[in-house]
C-alpha atoms as a PDB file:
ATOM      1  CA  MET A   1       0.000   0.000   0.000  1.00  0.00           C
ATOM      2  CA  MET A   2       2.841   2.392   0.872  1.00  0.00           C
ATOM      3  CA  ASP A   3       4.613   1.753  -2.418  1.00  0.00           C
ATOM      4  CA  ARG A   4       1.437   2.335  -4.427  1.00  0.00           C
ATOM      5  CA  PHE A   5       0.687   5.534  -2.492  1.00  0.00           C
ATOM      6  CA  GLU A   6       4.140   6.989  -3.062  1.00  0.00           C
ATOM      7  CA  LEU A   7       3.785   6.444  -6.817  1.00  0.00           C
ATOM      8  CA  ARG A   8       0.925   8.966  -6.778  1.00  0.00           C
ATOM      9  CA  LYS A   9       3.311  11.753  -5.718  1.00  0.00           C
ATOM     10  CA  THR A  10       0.638  13.485  -3.625  1.00  0.00           C
ATOM     11  CA  GLY A  11       3.097  15.492  -1.539  1.00  0.00           C
ATOM     12  CA  ILE A  12       1.454  14.110   1.591  1.00  0.00           C
ATOM     13  CA  LYS A  13       3.966  13.068   4.249  1.00  0.00           C
ATOM     14  CA  CYS A  14       3.373   9.442   5.165  1.00  0.00           C
ATOM     15  CA  PHE A  15       4.877   6.506   7.022  1.00  0.00           C
ATOM     16  CA  GLU A  16       4.135   2.810   7.432  1.00  0.00           C
ATOM     17  CA  VAL A  17       4.100   0.493  10.437  1.00  0.00           C
ATOM     18  CA  ARG A  18       3.928  -3.283  10.339  1.00  0.00           C
ATOM     19  CA  ALA A  19       3.614  -4.111  14.037  1.00  0.00           C
ATOM     20  CA  TYR A  20       0.998  -3.058  16.575  1.00  0.00           C
ATOM     21  CA  ASP A  21       3.557  -1.828  19.113  1.00  0.00           C
ATOM     22  CA  ASP A  22       4.999   0.489  16.485  1.00  0.00           C
ATOM     23  CA  LEU A  23       1.522   1.753  15.678  1.00  0.00           C
ATOM     24  CA  VAL A  24       0.946   2.609  19.342  1.00  0.00           C
ATOM     25  CA  LYS A  25       4.218   4.552  19.433  1.00  0.00           C
ATOM     26  CA  ARG A  26       3.633   6.541  16.251  1.00  0.00           C
ATOM     27  CA  ILE A  27      -0.122   7.007  15.880  1.00  0.00           C
ATOM     28  CA  GLY A  28       0.147  10.349  17.672  1.00  0.00           C
ATOM     29  CA  GLU A  29       1.899  11.702  14.565  1.00  0.00           C
ATOM     30  CA  ALA A  30      -0.969  10.887  12.222  1.00  0.00           C
ATOM     31  CA  ASP A  31      -3.816  13.073  11.005  1.00  0.00           C
ATOM     32  CA  VAL A  32      -5.069  10.237   8.799  1.00  0.00           C
ATOM     33  CA  VAL A  33      -4.737   6.486   9.227  1.00  0.00           C
ATOM     34  CA  LEU A  34      -5.159   3.936   6.444  1.00  0.00           C
ATOM     35  CA  ALA A  35      -5.987   0.967   8.620  1.00  0.00           C
ATOM     36  CA  SER A  36      -5.934  -2.786   8.254  1.00  0.00           C
ATOM     37  CA  GLY A  37      -7.078  -5.410  10.744  1.00  0.00           C
ATOM     38  CA  MET A  38      -4.324  -4.094  13.044  1.00  0.00           C
ATOM     39  CA  TRP A  39      -6.673  -1.369  14.326  1.00  0.00           C
ATOM     40  CA  LYS A  40      -7.752  -1.549  17.984  1.00  0.00           C
ATOM     41  CA  ASN A  41      -9.859   1.009  19.804  1.00  0.00           C
ATOM     42  CA  ASP A  42      -7.201   1.158  22.536  1.00  0.00           C
ATOM     43  CA  LEU A  43      -5.266   3.329  20.089  1.00  0.00           C
ATOM     44  CA  ILE A  44      -7.726   6.223  20.339  1.00  0.00           C
ATOM     45  CA  PRO A  45      -6.265   7.827  23.511  1.00  0.00           C
ATOM     46  CA  HIS A  46      -2.836   7.871  21.807  1.00  0.00           C
ATOM     47  CA  ALA A  47      -4.169   9.478  18.609  1.00  0.00           C
ATOM     48  CA  GLY A  48      -4.338  13.131  19.543  1.00  0.00           C
ATOM     49  CA  LYS A  49      -4.116  14.457  15.960  1.00  0.00           C
ATOM     50  CA  LEU A  50      -6.208  11.796  14.261  1.00  0.00           C
ATOM     51  CA  ARG A  51      -9.161  13.105  12.255  1.00  0.00           C
ATOM     52  CA  PHE A  52      -9.901  10.410   9.683  1.00  0.00           C
ATOM     53  CA  ILE A  53      -9.587   6.625   9.345  1.00  0.00           C
ATOM     54  CA  GLN A  54      -9.870   4.998   5.948  1.00  0.00           C
ATOM     55  CA  SER A  55     -10.315   1.259   6.361  1.00  0.00           C
ATOM     56  CA  ILE A  56      -8.853  -0.991   3.693  1.00  0.00           C
ATOM     57  CA  SER A  57     -11.753  -3.445   4.037  1.00  0.00           C
ATOM     58  CA  SER A  58     -15.527  -3.418   4.166  1.00  0.00           C
ATOM     59  CA  GLY A  59     -15.641  -4.985   7.643  1.00  0.00           C
ATOM     60  CA  MET A  60     -16.193  -2.449  10.424  1.00  0.00           C
ATOM     61  CA  ASP A  61     -16.535  -4.682  13.478  1.00  0.00           C
ATOM     62  CA  GLN A  62     -13.182  -3.630  14.979  1.00  0.00           C
ATOM     63  CA  TYR A  63     -14.095   0.082  15.122  1.00  0.00           C
ATOM     64  CA  SER A  64     -16.061   1.640  17.996  1.00  0.00           C
ATOM     65  CA  LYS A  65     -18.374   4.229  16.461  1.00  0.00           C
ATOM     66  CA  GLU A  66     -19.090   5.622  19.919  1.00  0.00           C
ATOM     67  CA  LEU A  67     -15.449   6.169  20.890  1.00  0.00           C
ATOM     68  CA  LEU A  68     -14.431   7.525  17.486  1.00  0.00           C
ATOM     69  CA  GLY A  69     -17.485   9.773  17.318  1.00  0.00           C
ATOM     70  CA  ALA A  70     -16.735  11.215  20.743  1.00  0.00           C
ATOM     71  CA  LYS A  71     -13.298  12.285  19.480  1.00  0.00           C
ATOM     72  CA  GLY A  72     -14.661  13.663  16.217  1.00  0.00           C
ATOM     73  CA  ILE A  73     -12.766  11.095  14.156  1.00  0.00           C
ATOM     74  CA  ARG A  74     -14.335  10.335  10.764  1.00  0.00           C
ATOM     75  CA  LEU A  75     -14.414   6.778   9.415  1.00  0.00           C
ATOM     76  CA  ALA A  76     -14.995   5.275   5.973  1.00  0.00           C
ATOM     77  CA  SER A  77     -14.937   1.701   4.707  1.00  0.00           C
ATOM     78  CA  ALA A  78     -13.571   0.222   1.504  1.00  0.00           C
ATOM     79  CA  ALA A  79     -16.874  -1.453   0.650  1.00  0.00           C
ATOM     80  CA  GLY A  80     -17.034  -2.465  -2.981  1.00  0.00           C
ATOM     81  CA  VAL A  81     -13.292  -2.167  -3.504  1.00  0.00           C
ATOM     82  CA  ASN A  82     -13.055  -5.785  -4.641  1.00  0.00           C
ATOM     83  CA  ALA A  83     -16.661  -6.391  -5.731  1.00  0.00           C
ATOM     84  CA  ARG A  84     -15.626  -7.032  -9.314  1.00  0.00           C
ATOM     85  CA  ALA A  85     -12.950  -9.520  -8.220  1.00  0.00           C
ATOM     86  CA  VAL A  86     -15.360 -11.449  -5.987  1.00  0.00           C
ATOM     87  CA  ALA A  87     -18.007 -11.602  -8.707  1.00  0.00           C
ATOM     88  CA  GLU A  88     -15.450 -12.798 -11.248  1.00  0.00           C
ATOM     89  CA  HIS A  89     -14.256 -15.420  -8.764  1.00  0.00           C
ATOM     90  CA  ALA A  90     -17.841 -16.608  -8.326  1.00  0.00           C
ATOM     91  CA  ILE A  91     -18.362 -17.030 -12.067  1.00  0.00           C
ATOM     92  CA  ALA A  92     -14.977 -18.774 -12.236  1.00  0.00           C
ATOM     93  CA  LEU A  93     -16.119 -21.270  -9.593  1.00  0.00           C
ATOM     94  CA  ILE A  94     -19.356 -21.839 -11.503  1.00  0.00           C
ATOM     95  CA  LEU A  95     -17.441 -22.442 -14.734  1.00  0.00           C
ATOM     96  CA  ALA A  96     -14.935 -24.680 -12.942  1.00  0.00           C
ATOM     97  CA  ILE A  97     -17.697 -26.972 -11.710  1.00  0.00           C
ATOM     98  CA  ALA A  98     -19.625 -26.938 -14.988  1.00  0.00           C
ATOM     99  CA  ARG A  99     -16.491 -27.725 -16.996  1.00  0.00           C
ATOM    100  CA  ARG A 100     -15.100 -30.170 -14.365  1.00  0.00           C
ATOM    101  CA  LEU A 101     -11.819 -28.284 -14.088  1.00  0.00           C
ATOM    102  CA  PRO A 102     -10.882 -29.487 -10.569  1.00  0.00           C
ATOM    103  CA  GLU A 103     -11.088 -33.078 -11.838  1.00  0.00           C
ATOM    104  CA  ALA A 104      -9.025 -32.175 -14.901  1.00  0.00           C
ATOM    105  CA  ARG A 105      -6.317 -30.666 -12.692  1.00  0.00           C
ATOM    106  CA  ASP A 106      -6.276 -33.785 -10.510  1.00  0.00           C
ATOM    107  CA  ASN A 107      -6.020 -35.971 -13.625  1.00  0.00           C
ATOM    108  CA  GLN A 108      -3.122 -33.851 -14.892  1.00  0.00           C
ATOM    109  CA  HIS A 109      -1.146 -34.476 -11.698  1.00  0.00           C
ATOM    110  CA  GLN A 110      -1.809 -38.210 -12.072  1.00  0.00           C
ATOM    111  CA  LYS A 111      -0.970 -38.166 -15.827  1.00  0.00           C
ATOM    112  CA  VAL A 112      -4.470 -39.408 -16.667  1.00  0.00           C
ATOM    113  CA  TRP A 113      -5.932 -38.552 -20.088  1.00  0.00           C
ATOM    114  CA  ARG A 114      -9.662 -39.021 -19.569  1.00  0.00           C
ATOM    115  CA  GLY A 115     -11.753 -39.907 -22.583  1.00  0.00           C
ATOM    116  CA  MET A 116     -15.227 -38.597 -23.418  1.00  0.00           C
ATOM    117  CA  LEU A 117     -17.845 -39.741 -20.951  1.00  0.00           C
ATOM    118  CA  GLY A 118     -20.694 -41.831 -22.270  1.00  0.00           C
ATOM    119  CA  ASP A 119     -22.937 -40.972 -19.326  1.00  0.00           C
ATOM    120  CA  LEU A 120     -24.458 -37.608 -20.239  1.00  0.00           C
ATOM    121  CA  THR A 121     -25.233 -36.814 -16.600  1.00  0.00           C
ATOM    122  CA  GLN A 122     -21.510 -36.983 -15.782  1.00  0.00           C
ATOM    123  CA  ARG A 123     -20.225 -35.005 -18.757  1.00  0.00           C
ATOM    124  CA  GLU A 124     -19.104 -31.334 -18.724  1.00  0.00           C
ATOM    125  CA  ASP A 125     -21.992 -28.903 -19.148  1.00  0.00           C
ATOM    126  CA  GLU A 126     -22.832 -25.470 -20.563  1.00  0.00           C
ATOM    127  CA  LEU A 127     -24.167 -22.467 -18.639  1.00  0.00           C
ATOM    128  CA  GLY A 128     -26.521 -21.183 -21.336  1.00  0.00           C
ATOM    129  CA  GLY A 129     -30.146 -21.698 -20.344  1.00  0.00           C
ATOM    130  CA  LYS A 130     -29.293 -22.533 -16.740  1.00  0.00           C
ATOM    131  CA  THR A 131     -30.796 -20.621 -13.800  1.00  0.00           C
ATOM    132  CA  LEU A 132     -28.582 -18.844 -11.263  1.00  0.00           C
ATOM    133  CA  LEU A 133     -30.063 -17.813  -7.926  1.00  0.00           C
ATOM    134  CA  VAL A 134     -28.031 -14.933  -6.472  1.00  0.00           C
ATOM    135  CA  VAL A 135     -28.556 -14.393  -2.748  1.00  0.00           C
ATOM    136  CA  GLY A 136     -27.606 -10.773  -2.125  1.00  0.00           C
ATOM    137  CA  MET A 137     -27.941  -8.245  -4.943  1.00  0.00           C
ATOM    138  CA  GLY A 138     -25.527  -5.575  -3.781  1.00  0.00           C
ATOM    139  CA  ARG A 139     -22.303  -4.640  -5.581  1.00  0.00           C
ATOM    140  CA  ILE A 140     -21.051  -8.219  -5.856  1.00  0.00           C
ATOM    141  CA  GLY A 141     -24.383  -9.813  -6.667  1.00  0.00           C
ATOM    142  CA  SER A 142     -25.289  -7.262  -9.317  1.00  0.00           C
ATOM    143  CA  HIS A 143     -21.940  -7.707 -11.060  1.00  0.00           C
ATOM    144  CA  LEU A 144     -22.290 -11.482 -10.889  1.00  0.00           C
ATOM    145  CA  ALA A 145     -25.736 -11.125 -12.481  1.00  0.00           C
ATOM    146  CA  LYS A 146     -24.196  -9.159 -15.356  1.00  0.00           C
ATOM    147  CA  LEU A 147     -21.542 -11.832 -15.900  1.00  0.00           C
ATOM    148  CA  ALA A 148     -24.109 -14.624 -15.766  1.00  0.00           C
ATOM    149  CA  LYS A 149     -26.282 -12.871 -18.341  1.00  0.00           C
ATOM    150  CA  ALA A 150     -23.268 -12.825 -20.673  1.00  0.00           C
ATOM    151  CA  PHE A 151     -23.423 -16.642 -20.549  1.00  0.00           C
ATOM    152  CA  ASP A 152     -27.160 -16.575 -21.376  1.00  0.00           C
ATOM    153  CA  MET A 153     -28.161 -17.662 -17.884  1.00  0.00           C
ATOM    154  CA  LYS A 154     -31.423 -16.734 -16.234  1.00  0.00           C
ATOM    155  CA  VAL A 155     -30.723 -14.792 -13.045  1.00  0.00           C
ATOM    156  CA  VAL A 156     -33.090 -14.774 -10.078  1.00  0.00           C
ATOM    157  CA  GLY A 157     -32.066 -12.351  -7.359  1.00  0.00           C
ATOM    158  CA  ILE A 158     -32.804 -12.259  -3.639  1.00  0.00           C
ATOM    159  CA  ARG A 159     -32.245  -9.155  -1.533  1.00  0.00           C
ATOM    160  CA  ARG A 160     -33.360  -7.656   1.761  1.00  0.00           C
ATOM    161  CA  ASP A 161     -35.460  -4.994   0.029  1.00  0.00           C
ATOM    162  CA  PRO A 162     -36.786  -6.136  -3.357  1.00  0.00           C
ATOM    163  CA  LYS A 163     -38.185  -2.630  -3.946  1.00  0.00           C
ATOM    164  CA  ALA A 164     -34.589  -1.376  -4.241  1.00  0.00           C
ATOM    165  CA  GLY A 165     -34.475  -2.808  -7.770  1.00  0.00           C
ATOM    166  CA  THR A 166     -33.431  -5.857  -9.753  1.00  0.00           C
ATOM    167  CA  ASN A 167     -29.759  -4.801 -10.189  1.00  0.00           C
ATOM    168  CA  GLY A 168     -29.512  -6.797 -13.400  1.00  0.00           C
ATOM    169  CA  ALA A 169     -31.502  -9.871 -12.360  1.00  0.00           C
ATOM    170  CA  ASP A 170     -34.416 -11.119 -14.447  1.00  0.00           C
ATOM    171  CA  GLU A 171     -36.560 -11.123 -11.328  1.00  0.00           C
ATOM    172  CA  ILE A 172     -36.100 -10.114  -7.708  1.00  0.00           C
ATOM    173  CA  HIS A 173     -37.470 -11.483  -4.438  1.00  0.00           C
ATOM    174  CA  GLY A 174     -37.122 -11.043  -0.694  1.00  0.00           C
ATOM    175  CA  MET A 175     -34.861 -13.075   1.574  1.00  0.00           C
ATOM    176  CA  GLY A 176     -37.872 -14.923   2.963  1.00  0.00           C
ATOM    177  CA  ASP A 177     -38.452 -16.568  -0.424  1.00  0.00           C
ATOM    178  CA  LEU A 178     -35.132 -18.440  -0.464  1.00  0.00           C
ATOM    179  CA  VAL A 179     -36.429 -21.965   0.254  1.00  0.00           C
ATOM    180  CA  LYS A 180     -39.258 -21.473  -2.235  1.00  0.00           C
ATOM    181  CA  LEU A 181     -36.885 -20.340  -5.012  1.00  0.00           C
ATOM    182  CA  VAL A 182     -34.017 -22.800  -4.486  1.00  0.00           C
ATOM    183  CA  PRO A 183     -35.723 -25.688  -6.391  1.00  0.00           C
ATOM    184  CA  GLN A 184     -35.709 -23.544  -9.566  1.00  0.00           C
ATOM    185  CA  ALA A 185     -31.951 -22.996  -9.518  1.00  0.00           C
ATOM    186  CA  ASP A 186     -29.159 -24.891 -11.214  1.00  0.00           C
ATOM    187  CA  PHE A 187     -26.675 -22.767  -9.253  1.00  0.00           C
ATOM    188  CA  VAL A 188     -27.227 -21.071  -5.874  1.00  0.00           C
ATOM    189  CA  ALA A 189     -24.628 -18.379  -5.146  1.00  0.00           C
ATOM    190  CA  LEU A 190     -24.291 -16.542  -1.835  1.00  0.00           C
ATOM    191  CA  THR A 191     -22.974 -12.980  -2.250  1.00  0.00           C
ATOM    192  CA  CYS A 192     -24.654 -11.247   0.702  1.00  0.00           C
ATOM    193  CA  ALA A 193     -23.107  -9.654   3.779  1.00  0.00           C
ATOM    194  CA  LEU A 194     -23.005 -11.559   7.071  1.00  0.00           C
ATOM    195  CA  THR A 195     -25.562  -9.993   9.396  1.00  0.00           C
ATOM    196  CA  PRO A 196     -27.757 -11.362  12.206  1.00  0.00           C
ATOM    197  CA  GLU A 197     -30.490 -11.759   9.570  1.00  0.00           C
ATOM    198  CA  THR A 198     -28.311 -13.685   7.100  1.00  0.00           C
ATOM    199  CA  THR A 199     -26.492 -15.918   9.597  1.00  0.00           C
ATOM    200  CA  GLY A 200     -27.551 -19.471   8.749  1.00  0.00           C
ATOM    201  CA  LEU A 201     -29.749 -18.191   5.921  1.00  0.00           C
ATOM    202  CA  MET A 202     -28.757 -21.125   3.733  1.00  0.00           C
ATOM    203  CA  SER A 203     -30.365 -23.572   6.126  1.00  0.00           C
ATOM    204  CA  ALA A 204     -30.842 -27.324   6.173  1.00  0.00           C
ATOM    205  CA  ALA A 205     -34.266 -26.741   4.634  1.00  0.00           C
ATOM    206  CA  ALA A 206     -32.725 -24.678   1.829  1.00  0.00           C
ATOM    207  CA  PHE A 207     -30.115 -27.357   1.064  1.00  0.00           C
ATOM    208  CA  ALA A 208     -32.825 -30.035   1.121  1.00  0.00           C
ATOM    209  CA  ALA A 209     -34.838 -28.051  -1.435  1.00  0.00           C
ATOM    210  CA  MET A 210     -31.986 -27.906  -3.979  1.00  0.00           C
ATOM    211  CA  LYS A 211     -32.156 -30.056  -7.113  1.00  0.00           C
ATOM    212  CA  PRO A 212     -29.876 -33.127  -7.137  1.00  0.00           C
ATOM    213  CA  SER A 213     -28.153 -31.699 -10.231  1.00  0.00           C
ATOM    214  CA  SER A 214     -27.583 -28.251  -8.709  1.00  0.00           C
ATOM    215  CA  VAL A 215     -24.444 -26.547  -7.398  1.00  0.00           C
ATOM    216  CA  PHE A 216     -23.926 -24.448  -4.263  1.00  0.00           C
ATOM    217  CA  VAL A 217     -21.448 -21.540  -4.427  1.00  0.00           C
ATOM    218  CA  ASN A 218     -20.405 -19.384  -1.466  1.00  0.00           C
ATOM    219  CA  VAL A 219     -18.298 -16.234  -1.877  1.00  0.00           C
ATOM    220  CA  ALA A 220     -20.050 -14.396   0.975  1.00  0.00           C
ATOM    221  CA  ARG A 221     -19.139 -15.551   4.477  1.00  0.00           C
ATOM    222  CA  GLY A 222     -19.032 -19.105   5.758  1.00  0.00           C
ATOM    223  CA  LYS A 223     -21.623 -18.541   8.460  1.00  0.00           C
ATOM    224  CA  VAL A 224     -24.289 -17.434   5.974  1.00  0.00           C
ATOM    225  CA  ALA A 225     -24.629 -21.175   5.366  1.00  0.00           C
ATOM    226  CA  ASP A 226     -25.378 -23.874   7.926  1.00  0.00           C
ATOM    227  CA  GLU A 227     -22.068 -25.715   7.510  1.00  0.00           C
ATOM    228  CA  GLU A 228     -23.235 -28.850   9.292  1.00  0.00           C
ATOM    229  CA  ALA A 229     -26.181 -29.065   6.892  1.00  0.00           C
ATOM    230  CA  LEU A 230     -23.836 -28.444   3.955  1.00  0.00           C
ATOM    231  CA  ILE A 231     -21.542 -31.284   5.043  1.00  0.00           C
ATOM    232  CA  LYS A 232     -24.474 -33.688   5.394  1.00  0.00           C
ATOM    233  CA  THR A 233     -25.771 -32.611   1.992  1.00  0.00           C
ATOM    234  CA  MET A 234     -22.428 -33.282   0.328  1.00  0.00           C
ATOM    235  CA  GLN A 235     -21.834 -36.556   2.211  1.00  0.00           C
ATOM    236  CA  GLY A 236     -25.210 -37.789   0.997  1.00  0.00           C
ATOM    237  CA  ASN A 237     -24.580 -36.610  -2.571  1.00  0.00           C
ATOM    238  CA  LYS A 238     -27.841 -34.697  -2.383  1.00  0.00           C
ATOM    239  CA  ILE A 239     -26.570 -32.058  -4.823  1.00  0.00           C
ATOM    240  CA  TRP A 240     -24.028 -32.221  -7.645  1.00  0.00           C
ATOM    241  CA  ALA A 241     -21.266 -30.074  -6.128  1.00  0.00           C
ATOM    242  CA  ALA A 242     -20.288 -27.192  -3.858  1.00  0.00           C
ATOM    243  CA  ALA A 243     -17.698 -24.488  -4.563  1.00  0.00           C
ATOM    244  CA  LEU A 244     -16.587 -22.621  -1.455  1.00  0.00           C
ATOM    245  CA  ASP A 245     -14.336 -19.613  -1.034  1.00  0.00           C
ATOM    246  CA  VAL A 246     -15.351 -19.211   2.616  1.00  0.00           C
ATOM    247  CA  THR A 247     -16.032 -21.489   5.568  1.00  0.00           C
ATOM    248  CA  ALA A 248     -17.458 -21.032   9.051  1.00  0.00           C
ATOM    249  CA  ASP A 249     -13.988 -21.261  10.635  1.00  0.00           C
ATOM    250  CA  GLU A 250     -10.956 -20.007   8.742  1.00  0.00           C
ATOM    251  CA  PRO A 251      -8.523 -21.461   8.023  1.00  0.00           C
ATOM    252  CA  LEU A 252     -10.716 -24.504   7.487  1.00  0.00           C
ATOM    253  CA  PRO A 253      -9.826 -26.955  10.293  1.00  0.00           C
ATOM    254  CA  ALA A 254      -7.760 -29.939   9.163  1.00  0.00           C
ATOM    255  CA  ALA A 255     -10.399 -32.285  10.592  1.00  0.00           C
ATOM    256  CA  SER A 256     -13.172 -30.899   8.386  1.00  0.00           C
ATOM    257  CA  PRO A 257     -14.532 -33.513   5.964  1.00  0.00           C
ATOM    258  CA  LEU A 258     -14.945 -30.748   3.367  1.00  0.00           C
ATOM    259  CA  TRP A 259     -11.224 -30.965   2.549  1.00  0.00           C
ATOM    260  CA  THR A 260     -11.395 -34.408   0.970  1.00  0.00           C
ATOM    261  CA  MET A 261     -14.876 -34.537  -0.522  1.00  0.00           C
ATOM    262  CA  PRO A 262     -14.651 -35.146  -4.287  1.00  0.00           C
ATOM    263  CA  ASN A 263     -17.781 -33.059  -4.886  1.00  0.00           C
ATOM    264  CA  VAL A 264     -16.430 -29.984  -3.029  1.00  0.00           C
ATOM    265  CA  PHE A 265     -14.081 -27.408  -4.564  1.00  0.00           C
ATOM    266  CA  ILE A 266     -12.390 -25.016  -2.106  1.00  0.00           C
ATOM    267  CA  THR A 267     -10.440 -21.788  -2.566  1.00  0.00           C
ATOM    268  CA  PRO A 268      -8.926 -20.235   0.601  1.00  0.00           C
ATOM    269  CA  HIS A 269     -10.947 -17.000   0.876  1.00  0.00           C
ATOM    270  CA  THR A 270      -9.124 -15.527  -2.103  1.00  0.00           C
ATOM    271  CA  ALA A 271     -12.139 -14.260  -4.055  1.00  0.00           C
ATOM    272  CA  GLY A 272     -11.431 -10.685  -3.024  1.00  0.00           C
ATOM    273  CA  GLU A 273      -7.746 -10.747  -3.889  1.00  0.00           C
ATOM    274  CA  THR A 274      -6.793  -8.698  -6.926  1.00  0.00           C
ATOM    275  CA  ARG A 275      -3.674  -6.963  -8.200  1.00  0.00           C
ATOM    276  CA  ALA A 276      -5.729  -3.761  -8.285  1.00  0.00           C
ATOM    277  CA  TYR A 277      -6.731  -3.930  -4.599  1.00  0.00           C
ATOM    278  CA  GLU A 278      -4.289  -1.365  -3.207  1.00  0.00           C
ATOM    279  CA  ASP A 279      -4.973   1.146  -5.967  1.00  0.00           C
ATOM    280  CA  ASN A 280      -8.726   0.698  -5.574  1.00  0.00           C
ATOM    281  CA  VAL A 281      -8.456   1.447  -1.841  1.00  0.00           C
ATOM    282  CA  LEU A 282      -6.232   4.469  -2.494  1.00  0.00           C
ATOM    283  CA  ASP A 283      -8.785   5.832  -4.975  1.00  0.00           C
ATOM    284  CA  ILE A 284     -11.341   5.874  -2.150  1.00  0.00           C
ATOM    285  CA  LEU A 285      -8.836   7.412   0.266  1.00  0.00           C
ATOM    286  CA  MET A 286      -7.941  10.257  -2.091  1.00  0.00           C
ATOM    287  CA  GLU A 287     -11.565  10.982  -2.926  1.00  0.00           C
ATOM    288  CA  ASN A 288     -12.406  11.171   0.778  1.00  0.00           C
ATOM    289  CA  LEU A 289      -9.431  13.411   1.524  1.00  0.00           C
ATOM    290  CA  ASP A 290     -10.559  15.745  -1.260  1.00  0.00           C
ATOM    291  CA  ARG A 291     -14.042  15.847   0.258  1.00  0.00           C
ATOM    292  CA  LEU A 292     -12.668  16.571   3.724  1.00  0.00           C
ATOM    293  CA  TRP A 293     -10.401  19.342   2.422  1.00  0.00           C
ATOM    294  CA  ARG A 294     -13.428  20.918   0.705  1.00  0.00           C
ATOM    295  CA  GLY A 295     -15.343  20.778   3.973  1.00  0.00           C
ATOM    296  CA  GLU A 296     -17.929  18.320   2.681  1.00  0.00           C
ATOM    297  CA  LYS A 297     -19.887  16.424   5.296  1.00  0.00           C
ATOM    298  CA  THR A 298     -20.481  13.255   3.265  1.00  0.00           C
ATOM    299  CA  LEU A 299     -17.724  10.748   2.548  1.00  0.00           C
ATOM    300  CA  ARG A 300     -17.600   7.861   0.107  1.00  0.00           C
ATOM    301  CA  ASN A 301     -18.495   4.692   2.046  1.00  0.00           C
ATOM    302  CA  GLN A 302     -19.054   6.854   5.120  1.00  0.00           C
ATOM    303  CA  VAL A 303     -19.425   5.114   8.468  1.00  0.00           C
ATOM    304  CA  LEU A 304     -18.912   8.206  10.655  1.00  0.00           C
END
């Protein structure tokens, strides 16, 4: 992040710390902090000059709005900074399962040249004409819908407030309709935020309602799905496959049966990683600094 910032030649004096103890010692020098998960609210009494925190992530759980607000410290998130990357990762997982790429990679390592499959139900498939159910139609979900439409898929969206618009889906529904809509889907993709309302949203009943030929994809948070129900679903071969970028506990415990299931494809919470991440965050930072210098009250991705 420091290297990318210096390339912008802003003229703003800056420094970097890589350890919490160093942050405690030096935070008193800072008017602005670009913060990672290293932030702790215990820093606030040491931050006499601090006026603005730009988070590098969308998660805000580590920040106390009350304590920051009392000191007049503004706060903004980096929500949406990697929405495109996560959506592209989701469509990549969907394509990987449809085209049986994990199996092909395994065969490559074993020097196996697999012939064409006679059983049509086991053969690679196409996305055109398939139905994708997107659970969460925010920045990630709406971009995933756009990508899916490019493959001639039908997109059914679910969001907290259906009146907020379709965001590129062919039709939109409320979160309460999930179990009713799941049987229509060839692919069910979770792209929503983890909130008290979405925790366990993909329930045992939702998994039970999926078609045997369908695929479950999760690029949201592990706890949006009932992981025990997911494991039982996959152990019983109740659905075709699952592609997971997130799990309830991360790293995924070594004892988890998900590791070795042939019908489960796992990436280690890398959906949001992109070579453009730092620059995308810095774009938000610079826009917010410009707004603050102009005396504007509203920030991009404002939290406080």
